[in-house]
Amino acid sequence: MEQTSTTIVTGQVGLMWQQVKVPLVVPVLKAMVVLCLAMSVMLFVERVYMGIVIVFLKLFGRKPEKRYKWEPMKDDVELGNSAYPMVLIQIPMYNEKEVYQLSIGAACGLSWPSDRIVIQVLDDSTDHTIKSMVEQECQRWANKGVNIKYEIRDNRNGYKAGALKEGMKHSYVKQCDYVAIFDADFQPEPDFLWRTIPFLVNNPEIALVQARWKFVNADECLMTRMQEMSLDYHFKVEQEVGSSTYAFFGFNGTAGVWRISAIDEAGGWKDRTTVEDMDLAVRASLKGWKFVYVGDLKVKNELPSTFKAYRYQQHRWSCGPANLFKKMVMEIIRNRKVTLWKKLYVIYSFFFVRKIVAHLVTFVFYCVVLPTTVFVPDVQVPKWGAVYIPSIITLLNAVGTPRSLHLMMFWILFENVMSLHRTKATFIGLLEAGRVNEWVVTEKLGDALKTKLGAKAPKKPRIRIGDRLHLLELGVGAYLFFCGCYDMSFGANRYFIFLFLQCIAFFVAGFGYVGTIVPTS
């Protein structure tokens, strides 16, 4: 009797599926496949273009020092130290207990005439103990003769953008020509200013000199290795190509030096999105200013090593650009100070393909549309779209980090998992939904993890299940597992190998076994 009831229910579900499939599911899925293939081609062309430019740059050695006038700063007997420009160093921080000493110490260790540099620590900390520690550290360096200013404000309006904007209002900043910005975990080498300031001094059209990031904890766990692969491509390819072709790229928010007059002309810091750095860069570029990326100059910093911190960071990095694109696209189109080609580059290449299409196609195509086609044999994805194009895109991305080529499969699976959050954040940014202006400071561990693990371990670390479970990842993982089982049993596409591997990746992330797990005492 029970078997008969089950058979009837199964038959009814099958009949309903057949009735809905042909008139509704098939046309929609076919349209989604065409759309995803179009986005894949756009991303493919973009990656190949950047690959060709990079090869050209490597072959012909077009380094920034050759494209622009660069002469080392020299002493002037008559003028003395006044021959050197006045430089402001800004270090914005918020409850940075583990790393504040590193950044302040590195900034105070910068080589530059002592009377021509001002270190400005912008402390938005809400923890009074940490605030006191930062203030004492600043006082310690001040006692050594360093010109360091400890600045606080009575609110966190505008977050980082608000702190930087407030910092520029102090009277002593009016004497400064340039401002170098370092986040709390960044440690510039002593010669940083000697290598960047000459670009600004000798080329009045340059507004920004950006250095590359060097990751001190890339080998901490598999997740940090995956991040290194993605960010190495960003710095070695995207930033390099933007700098050498259109003298434009997105400011990374840190490890860069700005001409203060360019910041003022562009309208200063704005807090309308969570990517105040990119916002300023686009506005300055529309005023005709040029940017220089110096890939040989590296600044040490820390990658987020916990999955929670990385998810928050990726939400901000994906939501912010999409929201900024929505707010600025018409302003870019109407601008008359830059060429049509540069406007096209900024709108299509920089924003649309890299900040929107790249996220959408990764998740929607490979984690939704492609798996769904196993239920609808009438909808076929051509092999060039399902295999060849993504393979070439992956190889072009991976060459930025040769030492991690053997981890490429893990990187693909991990990037697909993260594309879930990036896609969600992109839609939030475009639609200006609830979390559009959410700003969660990326947690930095510094040496805290080593100290915790090196200390006498507690009997059993307390880990709350709610902090470890991620329902979105588990949901997608379950759907991919179901698709894989169906394809293995009834399908002819042989997608089930990929689907099972990808569902494992989603389950691993969903159960919180990604990144460093910090024990609580």
Protein backbone atom coordinates (compact mmCIF):
# COMPACT_ATOMS: atom_id res chain seq x y z
CA MET A 1 0.00 0.00 0.00
CA GLU A 2 2.79 2.42 1.00
CA GLN A 3 4.73 1.53 -2.15
CA THR A 4 1.67 2.24 -4.28
CA SER A 5 1.20 5.68 -2.64
CA THR A 6 4.85 6.52 -3.20
CA THR A 7 4.60 5.46 -6.84
CA ILE A 8 1.51 7.65 -7.33
CA VAL A 9 3.19 10.68 -5.74
CA THR A 10 6.36 10.14 -7.79
CA GLY A 11 4.30 9.81 -10.95
CA GLN A 12 2.38 13.02 -10.20
CA VAL A 13 5.62 14.93 -9.54
CA GLY A 14 7.08 13.56 -12.79
CA LEU A 15 3.96 14.58 -14.72
CA MET A 16 4.04 18.10 -13.25
CA TRP A 17 7.75 18.40 -14.16
CA GLN A 18 7.08 17.36 -17.77
CA GLN A 19 4.21 19.87 -18.05
CA VAL A 20 6.34 22.73 -16.71
CA LYS A 21 9.64 21.75 -18.36
CA VAL A 22 8.88 22.28 -22.05
CA PRO A 23 6.95 25.60 -21.97
CA LEU A 24 8.81 27.25 -19.07
CA VAL A 25 12.03 25.61 -17.84
CA VAL A 26 13.62 24.86 -21.23
CA PRO A 27 13.28 28.40 -22.70
CA VAL A 28 14.44 30.06 -19.47
CA LEU A 29 17.41 27.70 -19.09
CA LYS A 30 18.37 28.15 -22.76
CA ALA A 31 18.30 31.92 -22.31
CA MET A 32 20.44 31.62 -19.16
CA VAL A 33 22.96 29.44 -21.01
CA VAL A 34 23.24 31.98 -23.84
CA LEU A 35 23.64 34.84 -21.33
CA CYS A 36 26.28 32.95 -19.35
CA LEU A 37 28.20 32.00 -22.51
CA ALA A 38 28.18 35.66 -23.57
CA MET A 39 29.56 36.69 -20.16
CA SER A 40 32.17 33.93 -20.37
CA VAL A 41 33.34 35.22 -23.75
CA MET A 42 33.54 38.77 -22.36
CA LEU A 43 35.67 37.58 -19.44
CA PHE A 44 37.79 35.41 -21.74
CA VAL A 45 38.52 38.32 -24.12
CA GLU A 46 39.39 40.54 -21.15
CA ARG A 47 41.82 37.96 -19.71
CA VAL A 48 43.48 37.32 -23.08
CA TYR A 49 43.83 41.06 -23.73
CA MET A 50 45.52 41.59 -20.37
CA GLY A 51 47.73 38.56 -20.97
CA ILE A 52 48.93 40.00 -24.30
CA VAL A 53 49.67 43.39 -22.70
CA ILE A 54 51.66 41.75 -19.88
CA VAL A 55 53.73 39.72 -22.36
CA PHE A 56 54.43 42.93 -24.30
CA LEU A 57 55.51 44.69 -21.09
CA LYS A 58 57.80 41.81 -20.09
CA LEU A 59 59.42 41.62 -23.53
CA PHE A 60 60.00 45.34 -23.96
CA GLY A 61 60.62 46.18 -20.29
CA ARG A 62 58.33 49.20 -20.07
CA LYS A 63 58.94 49.90 -16.39
CA PRO A 64 57.45 53.00 -14.74
CA GLU A 65 60.91 54.58 -14.46
CA LYS A 66 61.16 54.44 -18.28
CA ARG A 67 57.65 55.72 -19.00
CA TYR A 68 57.95 58.68 -16.63
CA LYS A 69 60.70 60.96 -15.50
CA TRP A 70 62.32 59.54 -12.39
CA GLU A 71 65.37 61.03 -10.69
CA PRO A 72 66.51 60.29 -7.14
CA MET A 73 66.04 63.08 -4.61
CA LYS A 74 69.28 65.03 -4.10
CA ASP A 75 70.57 67.22 -1.32
CA ASP A 76 70.60 70.96 -1.93
CA VAL A 77 73.35 72.80 -0.03
CA GLU A 78 71.54 76.14 -0.13
CA LEU A 79 68.01 74.95 0.61
CA GLY A 80 68.94 72.13 2.97
CA ASN A 81 66.00 69.93 4.00
CA SER A 82 63.49 72.43 2.60
CA ALA A 83 64.40 71.04 -0.85
CA TYR A 84 62.45 67.94 0.10
CA PRO A 85 58.65 67.99 -0.09
CA MET A 86 56.63 67.72 3.10
CA VAL A 87 55.07 64.26 3.41
CA LEU A 88 52.13 63.19 5.57
CA ILE A 89 51.82 59.53 6.60
CA GLN A 90 48.29 58.48 7.55
CA ILE A 91 47.60 55.26 9.47
CA PRO A 92 43.86 54.71 10.00
CA MET A 93 43.05 52.03 12.57
CA TYR A 94 40.17 50.54 14.51
CA ASN A 95 40.75 48.26 17.52
CA GLU A 96 43.97 46.94 15.97
CA LYS A 97 45.37 45.34 19.12
CA GLU A 98 47.49 42.73 17.36
CA VAL A 99 49.17 44.86 14.68
CA TYR A 100 49.20 48.53 15.71
CA GLN A 101 52.84 48.39 16.85
CA LEU A 102 53.96 46.94 13.50
CA SER A 103 52.44 49.69 11.35
CA ILE A 104 53.41 52.56 13.66
CA GLY A 105 56.95 51.21 14.00
CA ALA A 106 57.33 50.76 10.22
CA ALA A 107 55.98 54.26 9.51
CA CYS A 108 58.29 55.82 12.09
CA GLY A 109 61.16 53.89 10.51
CA LEU A 110 60.66 55.46 7.06
CA SER A 111 63.78 57.16 5.80
CA TRP A 112 63.09 60.85 5.07
CA PRO A 113 64.34 64.16 6.55
CA SER A 114 62.79 64.20 10.03
CA ASP A 115 61.53 67.79 9.74
CA ARG A 116 59.81 67.04 6.40
CA ILE A 117 57.56 64.19 7.53
CA VAL A 118 54.48 63.95 9.78
CA ILE A 119 53.13 60.60 11.00
CA GLN A 120 49.39 60.80 11.68
CA VAL A 121 47.72 57.92 13.54
CA LEU A 122 43.95 58.12 13.06
CA ASP A 123 42.53 55.98 15.83
CA ASP A 124 38.81 55.19 15.65
CA SER A 125 39.07 52.45 18.29
CA THR A 126 36.05 51.93 20.51
CA ASP A 127 37.95 49.73 22.97
CA HIS A 128 39.43 52.15 25.53
CA THR A 129 42.22 49.75 26.49
CA ILE A 130 43.41 49.45 22.90
CA LYS A 131 43.03 53.20 22.44
CA SER A 132 45.28 53.78 25.44
CA MET A 133 47.86 51.30 24.10
CA VAL A 134 47.97 53.04 20.70
CA GLU A 135 48.32 56.45 22.33
CA GLN A 136 51.19 55.21 24.51
CA GLU A 137 52.94 53.75 21.45
CA CYS A 138 52.65 57.11 19.68
CA GLN A 139 54.01 58.88 22.75
CA ARG A 140 56.93 56.43 22.89
CA TRP A 141 57.94 57.35 19.34
CA ALA A 142 57.36 61.05 19.98
CA ASN A 143 59.81 60.83 22.89
CA LYS A 144 62.38 59.54 20.40
CA GLY A 145 61.98 62.73 18.37
CA VAL A 146 59.58 61.45 15.70
CA ASN A 147 56.98 63.97 14.50
CA ILE A 148 53.94 61.79 15.23
CA LYS A 149 50.38 62.94 15.88
CA TYR A 150 47.75 60.83 17.63
CA GLU A 151 44.30 61.89 16.38
CA ILE A 152 40.89 60.67 17.55
CA ARG A 153 37.30 61.77 16.91
CA ASP A 154 34.10 61.36 18.87
CA ASN A 155 32.30 59.24 16.22
CA ARG A 156 32.98 56.77 13.41
CA ASN A 157 30.96 58.55 10.73
CA GLY A 158 32.12 57.49 7.28
CA TYR A 159 34.37 54.78 8.76
CA LYS A 160 37.81 54.85 7.08
CA ALA A 161 36.86 57.57 4.59
CA GLY A 162 35.56 59.71 7.45
CA ALA A 163 38.77 59.23 9.44
CA LEU A 164 41.00 60.12 6.47
CA LYS A 165 38.86 63.15 5.63
CA GLU A 166 38.97 64.36 9.25
CA GLY A 167 42.72 63.83 9.34
CA MET A 168 43.20 66.16 6.37
CA LYS A 169 41.53 69.04 8.24
CA HIS A 170 44.33 69.58 10.78
CA SER A 171 46.36 72.77 10.37
CA TYR A 172 49.74 71.02 10.04
CA VAL A 173 48.47 69.11 6.97
CA LYS A 174 48.31 72.37 5.00
CA GLN A 175 52.13 72.35 4.86
CA CYS A 176 52.19 68.87 3.27
CA ASP A 177 52.47 68.17 -0.45
CA TYR A 178 51.88 64.41 -0.47
CA VAL A 179 50.15 61.83 1.71
CA ALA A 180 51.10 58.15 2.04
CA ILE A 181 48.43 55.85 3.46
CA PHE A 182 49.04 52.56 5.25
CA ASP A 183 46.44 50.32 6.86
CA ALA A 184 47.21 49.04 10.34
CA ASP A 185 48.82 45.75 9.21
CA PHE A 186 51.06 47.30 6.51
CA GLN A 187 54.81 47.59 7.04
CA PRO A 188 56.61 49.69 4.40
CA GLU A 189 60.37 49.32 3.95
CA PRO A 190 62.50 52.32 5.03
CA ASP A 191 63.18 53.36 1.39
CA PHE A 192 59.48 53.51 0.44
CA LEU A 193 59.33 57.31 0.11
CA TRP A 194 62.66 57.54 -1.75
CA ARG A 195 61.23 55.21 -4.42
CA THR A 196 57.77 56.77 -4.76
CA ILE A 197 58.05 60.53 -4.17
CA PRO A 198 60.35 61.16 -7.21
CA PHE A 199 57.49 60.11 -9.53
CA LEU A 200 55.29 62.84 -8.04
CA VAL A 201 58.01 65.49 -7.85
CA ASN A 202 59.17 65.06 -11.47
CA ASN A 203 55.78 64.45 -13.11
CA PRO A 204 53.13 67.06 -12.21
CA GLU A 205 50.41 65.07 -14.03
CA ILE A 206 50.73 62.09 -11.68
CA ALA A 207 48.33 61.95 -8.72
CA LEU A 208 48.99 58.48 -7.28
CA VAL A 209 51.88 56.06 -6.92
CA GLN A 210 50.70 52.60 -5.85
CA ALA A 211 52.98 49.85 -4.49
CA ARG A 212 52.37 46.11 -4.53
CA TRP A 213 51.30 44.05 -1.52
CA LYS A 214 53.55 41.32 -0.12
CA PHE A 215 51.79 38.77 2.07
CA VAL A 216 53.64 37.76 5.23
CA ASN A 217 51.22 34.95 6.11
CA ALA A 218 50.53 33.45 2.67
CA ASP A 219 51.69 30.02 3.90
CA GLU A 220 49.55 30.07 7.06
CA CYS A 221 46.81 27.84 5.63
CA LEU A 222 45.32 26.68 2.32
CA MET A 223 42.86 29.60 2.30
CA THR A 224 45.66 32.18 2.46
CA ARG A 225 47.41 30.40 -0.43
CA MET A 226 44.18 30.70 -2.46
CA GLN A 227 43.98 34.41 -1.66
CA GLU A 228 47.59 34.88 -2.69
CA MET A 229 46.80 33.38 -6.12
CA SER A 230 43.86 35.74 -6.68
CA LEU A 231 45.62 38.87 -5.41
CA ASP A 232 48.87 38.14 -7.24
CA TYR A 233 46.90 38.17 -10.49
CA HIS A 234 45.30 41.46 -9.47
CA PHE A 235 48.65 43.11 -8.76
CA LYS A 236 50.86 41.48 -11.40
CA VAL A 237 48.35 41.75 -14.23
CA GLU A 238 45.32 44.01 -13.65
CA GLN A 239 47.16 46.85 -11.90
CA GLU A 240 50.13 46.62 -14.27
CA VAL A 241 47.93 46.69 -17.38
CA GLY A 242 45.85 49.63 -16.11
CA SER A 243 48.96 51.63 -15.23
CA SER A 244 50.78 51.02 -18.50
CA THR A 245 47.86 51.49 -20.92
CA TYR A 246 45.45 54.11 -19.55
CA ALA A 247 47.41 55.37 -16.49
CA PHE A 248 44.35 54.30 -14.46
CA PHE A 249 43.66 51.57 -11.93
CA GLY A 250 41.81 51.29 -8.65
CA PHE A 251 43.68 52.64 -5.63
CA ASN A 252 44.09 49.74 -3.20
CA GLY A 253 43.35 51.93 -0.19
CA THR A 254 46.81 51.47 1.28
CA ALA A 255 50.51 51.29 0.34
CA GLY A 256 50.13 54.29 -1.97
CA VAL A 257 51.16 57.95 -2.09
CA TRP A 258 48.74 60.67 -3.23
CA ARG A 259 49.34 64.22 -4.36
CA ILE A 260 47.20 66.18 -1.89
CA SER A 261 46.17 68.76 -4.50
CA ALA A 262 44.76 65.91 -6.63
CA ILE A 263 42.68 64.65 -3.69
CA ASP A 264 41.33 68.17 -3.16
CA GLU A 265 40.55 68.69 -6.85
CA ALA A 266 38.71 65.36 -7.01
CA GLY A 267 36.47 66.41 -4.10
CA GLY A 268 38.26 64.68 -1.21
CA TRP A 269 37.29 61.48 0.55
CA LYS A 270 33.64 60.40 0.24
CA ASP A 271 31.85 57.77 2.31
CA ARG A 272 28.96 57.04 -0.08
CA THR A 273 30.22 53.47 -0.67
CA THR A 274 32.43 50.95 1.13
CA VAL A 275 35.21 51.44 -1.46
CA GLU A 276 36.25 55.02 -0.72
CA ASP A 277 39.65 54.29 -2.29
CA MET A 278 38.21 53.29 -5.66
CA ASP A 279 35.74 56.17 -5.50
CA LEU A 280 38.56 58.71 -5.10
CA ALA A 281 40.63 57.04 -7.84
CA VAL A 282 37.80 57.19 -10.40
CA ARG A 283 36.98 60.83 -9.58
CA ALA A 284 40.65 61.86 -9.79
CA SER A 285 41.04 60.03 -13.09
CA LEU A 286 38.02 61.88 -14.50
CA LYS A 287 39.84 65.13 -13.67
CA GLY A 288 42.66 64.05 -15.96
CA TRP A 289 45.15 62.83 -13.32
CA LYS A 290 47.41 59.86 -14.05
CA PHE A 291 48.35 56.93 -11.80
CA VAL A 292 51.54 54.87 -11.62
CA TYR A 293 51.83 51.33 -10.33
CA VAL A 294 55.30 50.27 -9.16
CA GLY A 295 55.24 46.47 -9.09
CA ASP A 296 58.84 46.14 -7.91
CA LEU A 297 58.05 48.01 -4.70
CA LYS A 298 56.42 45.66 -2.18
CA VAL A 299 54.83 46.44 1.18
CA LYS A 300 54.38 43.66 3.70
CA ASN A 301 50.87 43.02 5.00
CA GLU A 302 48.61 40.31 6.36
CA LEU A 303 45.91 38.28 4.61
CA PRO A 304 42.73 37.47 6.55
CA SER A 305 43.23 33.91 7.76
CA THR A 306 39.80 33.18 9.25
CA PHE A 307 36.88 32.36 6.98
CA LYS A 308 34.62 34.84 8.79
CA ALA A 309 37.03 37.74 8.23
CA TYR A 310 37.55 36.78 4.59
CA ARG A 311 33.80 36.60 3.89
CA TYR A 312 33.26 40.07 5.35
CA GLN A 313 36.17 41.45 3.33
CA GLN A 314 34.91 39.91 0.08
CA HIS A 315 31.40 41.26 0.72
CA ARG A 316 32.83 44.77 1.01
CA TRP A 317 35.14 44.36 -2.00
CA SER A 318 32.27 43.08 -4.21
CA CYS A 319 29.36 45.19 -2.97
CA GLY A 320 31.28 48.50 -2.98
CA PRO A 321 32.44 48.49 -6.65
CA ALA A 322 28.98 47.46 -7.89
CA ASN A 323 27.38 50.25 -5.87
CA LEU A 324 29.99 52.76 -7.06
CA PHE A 325 29.43 51.70 -10.68
CA LYS A 326 25.72 52.38 -10.31
CA LYS A 327 26.38 55.81 -8.81
CA MET A 328 29.11 56.92 -11.22
CA VAL A 329 28.35 55.40 -14.62
CA MET A 330 26.47 58.47 -15.92
CA GLU A 331 29.09 60.82 -14.47
CA ILE A 332 31.78 58.90 -16.37
CA ILE A 333 29.77 58.98 -19.61
CA ARG A 334 29.17 62.76 -19.34
CA ASN A 335 32.81 63.56 -18.50
CA ARG A 336 34.67 65.62 -21.13
CA LYS A 337 38.18 65.70 -19.67
CA VAL A 338 39.19 62.15 -20.60
CA THR A 339 39.17 60.34 -23.95
CA LEU A 340 36.35 58.12 -25.16
CA TRP A 341 38.67 55.09 -25.02
CA LYS A 342 39.55 55.73 -21.38
CA LYS A 343 35.86 56.11 -20.48
CA LEU A 344 35.12 52.85 -22.30
CA TYR A 345 37.97 51.16 -20.43
CA VAL A 346 36.74 52.35 -17.03
CA ILE A 347 33.07 51.51 -17.65
CA TYR A 348 33.38 48.25 -19.59
CA SER A 349 36.69 46.68 -18.61
CA PHE A 350 37.38 48.00 -15.11
CA PHE A 351 33.83 48.03 -13.73
CA PHE A 352 31.47 45.89 -15.80
CA VAL A 353 33.62 42.89 -16.72
CA ARG A 354 35.93 42.69 -13.69
CA LYS A 355 33.62 43.86 -10.91
CA ILE A 356 30.26 42.50 -12.07
CA VAL A 357 30.47 39.93 -14.88
CA ALA A 358 33.39 38.02 -13.30
CA HIS A 359 31.40 37.39 -10.10
CA LEU A 360 28.07 36.62 -11.78
CA VAL A 361 29.34 34.17 -14.39
CA THR A 362 31.43 32.23 -11.88
CA PHE A 363 28.52 31.46 -9.60
CA VAL A 364 25.46 31.57 -11.86
CA PHE A 365 27.04 29.56 -14.69
CA TYR A 366 29.15 26.98 -12.87
CA CYS A 367 27.09 26.55 -9.68
CA VAL A 368 23.51 27.06 -10.92
CA VAL A 369 22.97 26.90 -14.70
CA LEU A 370 25.46 24.16 -15.63
CA PRO A 371 24.32 21.83 -12.80
CA THR A 372 20.64 22.43 -13.66
CA THR A 373 21.13 21.34 -17.28
CA VAL A 374 21.57 17.72 -16.08
CA PHE A 375 17.77 17.64 -15.48
CA VAL A 376 16.98 19.06 -18.94
CA PRO A 377 18.69 17.10 -21.74
CA ASP A 378 17.08 19.47 -24.27
CA VAL A 379 19.48 22.19 -23.08
CA GLN A 380 23.09 21.60 -24.04
CA VAL A 381 26.14 23.65 -23.07
CA PRO A 382 28.78 23.57 -25.82
CA LYS A 383 32.11 22.05 -24.81
CA TRP A 384 33.98 25.27 -25.58
CA GLY A 385 31.83 27.11 -23.02
CA ALA A 386 31.82 24.39 -20.36
CA VAL A 387 35.46 23.30 -20.60
CA TYR A 388 37.80 25.21 -22.92
CA ILE A 389 37.06 28.85 -22.02
CA PRO A 390 37.03 28.33 -18.23
CA SER A 391 40.23 26.25 -18.48
CA ILE A 392 42.07 29.02 -20.35
CA ILE A 393 40.74 31.71 -17.98
CA THR A 394 41.91 29.63 -15.00
CA LEU A 395 45.39 29.14 -16.48
CA LEU A 396 45.73 32.86 -17.21
CA ASN A 397 44.73 33.63 -13.60
CA ALA A 398 47.07 31.05 -12.10
CA VAL A 399 50.29 32.08 -13.89
CA GLY A 400 50.59 35.04 -11.50
CA THR A 401 51.62 32.62 -8.74
CA PRO A 402 53.77 29.86 -10.32
CA ARG A 403 54.59 28.30 -6.94
CA SER A 404 50.92 27.45 -6.44
CA LEU A 405 50.14 25.91 -9.84
CA HIS A 406 49.74 22.50 -8.19
CA LEU A 407 46.93 23.98 -6.08
CA MET A 408 44.94 25.11 -9.12
CA MET A 409 42.10 22.62 -8.62
CA PHE A 410 41.64 23.72 -5.00
CA TRP A 411 41.70 27.35 -6.15
CA ILE A 412 38.95 26.76 -8.73
CA LEU A 413 36.70 25.06 -6.17
CA PHE A 414 37.39 27.71 -3.52
CA GLU A 415 36.77 30.60 -5.94
CA ASN A 416 33.44 29.04 -6.93
CA VAL A 417 32.45 28.87 -3.26
CA MET A 418 33.43 32.51 -2.70
CA SER A 419 31.57 33.54 -5.87
CA LEU A 420 28.36 32.82 -3.96
CA HIS A 421 29.11 35.68 -1.56
CA ARG A 422 30.54 37.94 -4.26
CA THR A 423 27.45 37.49 -6.43
CA LYS A 424 25.13 38.19 -3.50
CA ALA A 425 27.17 41.27 -2.57
CA THR A 426 27.19 42.47 -6.20
CA PHE A 427 23.38 42.38 -6.34
CA ILE A 428 23.18 44.16 -2.97
CA GLY A 429 25.45 46.88 -4.37
CA LEU A 430 23.53 47.26 -7.63
CA LEU A 431 20.13 47.27 -5.91
CA GLU A 432 21.36 49.26 -2.87
CA ALA A 433 19.77 46.71 -0.55
CA GLY A 434 20.14 46.35 3.23
CA ARG A 435 23.86 45.58 3.72
CA VAL A 436 25.07 47.95 0.98
CA ASN A 437 27.02 50.17 3.38
CA GLU A 438 28.01 47.48 5.86
CA TRP A 439 31.60 48.00 6.95
CA VAL A 440 33.25 45.31 9.07
CA VAL A 441 36.96 45.90 9.63
CA THR A 442 38.98 42.89 8.47
CA GLU A 443 40.33 41.10 11.53
CA LYS A 444 44.12 40.89 11.72
CA LEU A 445 45.75 38.30 13.94
CA GLY A 446 49.41 39.36 13.76
CA ASP A 447 51.31 37.06 16.10
CA ALA A 448 48.25 36.47 18.27
CA LEU A 449 47.53 33.05 16.77
CA LYS A 450 51.11 31.83 17.30
CA THR A 451 50.95 33.07 20.87
CA LYS A 452 47.65 31.31 21.49
CA LEU A 453 48.73 28.05 19.93
CA GLY A 454 52.14 28.21 21.56
CA ALA A 455 50.67 28.75 24.98
CA LYS A 456 49.35 25.91 27.11
CA ALA A 457 46.28 24.79 25.20
CA PRO A 458 42.99 24.59 27.07
CA LYS A 459 41.41 21.16 27.50
CA LYS A 460 38.91 21.80 24.73
CA PRO A 461 38.55 25.04 22.73
CA ARG A 462 35.05 26.46 22.87
CA ILE A 463 33.67 26.69 19.34
CA ARG A 464 30.03 27.60 18.98
CA ILE A 465 28.22 25.59 16.32
CA GLY A 466 26.41 28.73 15.10
CA ASP A 467 29.75 30.38 14.32
CA ARG A 468 30.88 27.41 12.24
CA LEU A 469 27.77 26.57 10.22
CA HIS A 470 27.08 28.54 7.03
CA LEU A 471 23.64 27.65 5.69
CA LEU A 472 24.05 29.24 2.26
CA GLU A 473 27.09 27.10 1.47
CA LEU A 474 25.38 23.98 2.83
CA GLY A 475 22.28 24.68 0.73
CA VAL A 476 24.25 25.09 -2.51
CA GLY A 477 26.35 22.05 -1.63
CA ALA A 478 23.21 19.93 -1.17
CA TYR A 479 21.81 21.09 -4.53
CA LEU A 480 25.07 20.26 -6.33
CA PHE A 481 25.15 16.83 -4.65
CA PHE A 482 21.60 16.15 -5.85
CA CYS A 483 22.54 17.27 -9.40
CA GLY A 484 25.64 15.07 -9.31
CA CYS A 485 23.64 12.01 -8.20
CA TYR A 486 21.05 12.58 -10.93
CA ASP A 487 23.73 13.06 -13.61
CA MET A 488 25.57 9.92 -12.53
CA SER A 489 22.35 7.87 -12.65
CA PHE A 490 20.51 9.29 -15.66
CA GLY A 491 22.65 11.94 -17.36
CA ALA A 492 25.03 11.75 -20.30
CA ASN A 493 27.05 14.91 -19.66
CA ARG A 494 29.53 13.41 -17.19
CA TYR A 495 29.35 16.58 -15.12
CA PHE A 496 29.00 14.55 -11.91
CA ILE A 497 32.77 14.45 -11.24
CA PHE A 498 32.94 18.23 -11.15
CA LEU A 499 29.63 18.47 -9.27
CA PHE A 500 30.73 16.10 -6.51
CA LEU A 501 34.07 17.88 -6.08
CA GLN A 502 32.34 21.27 -5.98
CA CYS A 503 29.69 20.11 -3.51
CA ILE A 504 32.47 18.83 -1.21
CA ALA A 505 34.06 22.30 -1.36
CA PHE A 506 30.74 23.92 -0.43
CA PHE A 507 30.22 21.43 2.42
CA VAL A 508 33.73 22.02 3.78
CA ALA A 509 33.08 25.77 3.78
CA GLY A 510 29.54 25.28 5.09
CA PHE A 511 30.76 23.34 8.12
CA GLY A 512 33.43 25.97 8.80
CA TYR A 513 36.55 23.94 8.01
CA VAL A 514 38.16 26.67 5.92
CA GLY A 515 40.97 28.94 7.03
CA THR A 516 42.50 29.21 10.47
CA ILE A 517 40.33 28.27 13.41
CA VAL A 518 41.27 30.46 16.37
CA PRO A 519 40.65 28.72 19.68
CA THR A 520 38.89 30.66 22.42
CA SER A 521 40.07 30.40 25.97
